[in-house]
Protein backbone atom coordinates (compact mmCIF):
# COMPACT_ATOMS: atom_id res chain seq x y z
CA UNK A 1 -0.02 0.16 -0.04
CA UNK A 2 2.99 2.34 0.90
CA UNK A 3 4.33 1.81 -2.64
CA UNK A 4 1.17 2.98 -4.18
CA UNK A 5 1.23 6.25 -2.34
CA UNK A 6 4.94 6.61 -2.98
CA UNK A 7 4.39 5.96 -6.87
CA UNK A 8 1.43 8.51 -6.73
CA UNK A 9 3.29 11.14 -5.09
CA UNK A 10 6.30 10.76 -7.46
CA UNK A 11 3.93 10.90 -10.25
CA UNK A 12 2.29 14.26 -9.11
CA UNK A 13 5.70 15.72 -8.34
CA UNK A 14 6.89 14.73 -11.85
CA UNK A 15 3.84 16.17 -13.41
CA UNK A 16 4.10 19.50 -11.25
CA UNK A 17 8.05 19.70 -12.14
CA UNK A 18 8.00 18.36 -15.83
CA UNK A 19 4.59 18.33 -17.39
CA UNK A 20 5.49 17.89 -20.85
CA UNK A 21 8.22 15.21 -20.37
CA UNK A 22 6.17 13.19 -17.99
CA UNK A 23 3.15 13.19 -20.37
CA UNK A 24 5.66 12.02 -23.27
CA UNK A 25 6.96 9.26 -20.96
CA UNK A 26 3.68 7.83 -19.78
CA UNK A 27 2.47 8.06 -23.57
CA UNK A 28 5.27 6.11 -24.82
CA UNK A 29 5.05 3.36 -22.09
CA UNK A 30 1.34 3.18 -22.75
CA UNK A 31 1.88 2.56 -26.53
CA UNK A 32 4.70 0.22 -26.15
CA UNK A 33 2.37 -1.86 -23.79
CA UNK A 34 -0.56 -1.86 -26.58
CA UNK A 35 1.73 -2.78 -29.19
CA UNK A 36 2.98 -5.81 -27.14
CA UNK A 37 -0.65 -6.97 -26.57
CA UNK A 38 -1.55 -6.37 -30.18
CA UNK A 39 1.66 -8.48 -31.07
CA UNK A 40 0.32 -11.41 -28.62
CA UNK A 41 -3.10 -11.27 -30.08
CA UNK A 42 -1.79 -11.49 -33.65
CA UNK A 43 0.74 -14.22 -32.88
CA UNK A 44 -2.18 -16.37 -31.07
CA UNK A 45 -4.64 -15.77 -34.17
CA UNK A 46 -1.82 -16.80 -36.74
CA UNK A 47 -0.90 -19.96 -34.84
CA UNK A 48 -4.56 -20.82 -34.57
CA UNK A 49 -4.91 -20.24 -38.42
CA UNK A 50 -1.78 -22.21 -38.95
CA UNK A 51 -3.13 -25.35 -36.84
CA UNK A 52 -6.44 -25.17 -38.98
CA UNK A 53 -4.19 -25.34 -42.23
CA UNK A 54 -2.45 -28.17 -41.04
CA UNK A 55 -5.56 -29.95 -40.12
CA UNK A 56 -7.31 -29.07 -43.61
CA UNK A 57 -3.98 -30.15 -45.16
CA UNK A 58 -3.94 -33.48 -43.42
CA UNK A 59 -7.63 -34.32 -44.27
CA UNK A 60 -7.29 -33.31 -48.00
CA UNK A 61 -4.20 -35.39 -48.40
CA UNK A 62 -1.82 -32.31 -49.24
CA UNK A 63 1.76 -32.17 -47.62
CA UNK A 64 1.83 -30.17 -44.41
CA UNK A 65 2.84 -26.67 -44.55
CA UNK A 66 6.16 -25.57 -43.26
CA UNK A 67 6.99 -24.79 -39.59
CA UNK A 68 5.09 -21.88 -37.92
CA UNK A 69 7.02 -18.76 -38.26
CA UNK A 70 5.69 -15.42 -36.81
CA UNK A 71 7.57 -12.02 -37.12
CA UNK A 72 6.92 -9.64 -34.22
CA UNK A 73 5.53 -6.20 -35.22
CA UNK A 74 8.80 -4.36 -34.20
CA UNK A 75 10.72 -6.51 -36.61
CA UNK A 76 8.71 -6.21 -39.66
CA UNK A 77 9.69 -4.10 -42.63
CA UNK A 78 7.56 -1.06 -43.13
CA UNK A 79 5.79 -0.55 -46.37
CA UNK A 80 7.20 2.95 -46.98
């Protein structure tokens, strides 16, 4: 409980002394957390689709696809 009070106090003091820098830091942390969870959801969806593709290939008699490979969002090339 004391840690929560300490963190809240430090955050308030930080906002008072450096409002723009603190807002930028909190925004950066928030965006990184969102990207991390989006990446996890995409990985899970891609793995489920891969498993269903393997199952369909096995049922139809086609050879199994290659191993599952997922490239994280931050490792992908941009489309620019």
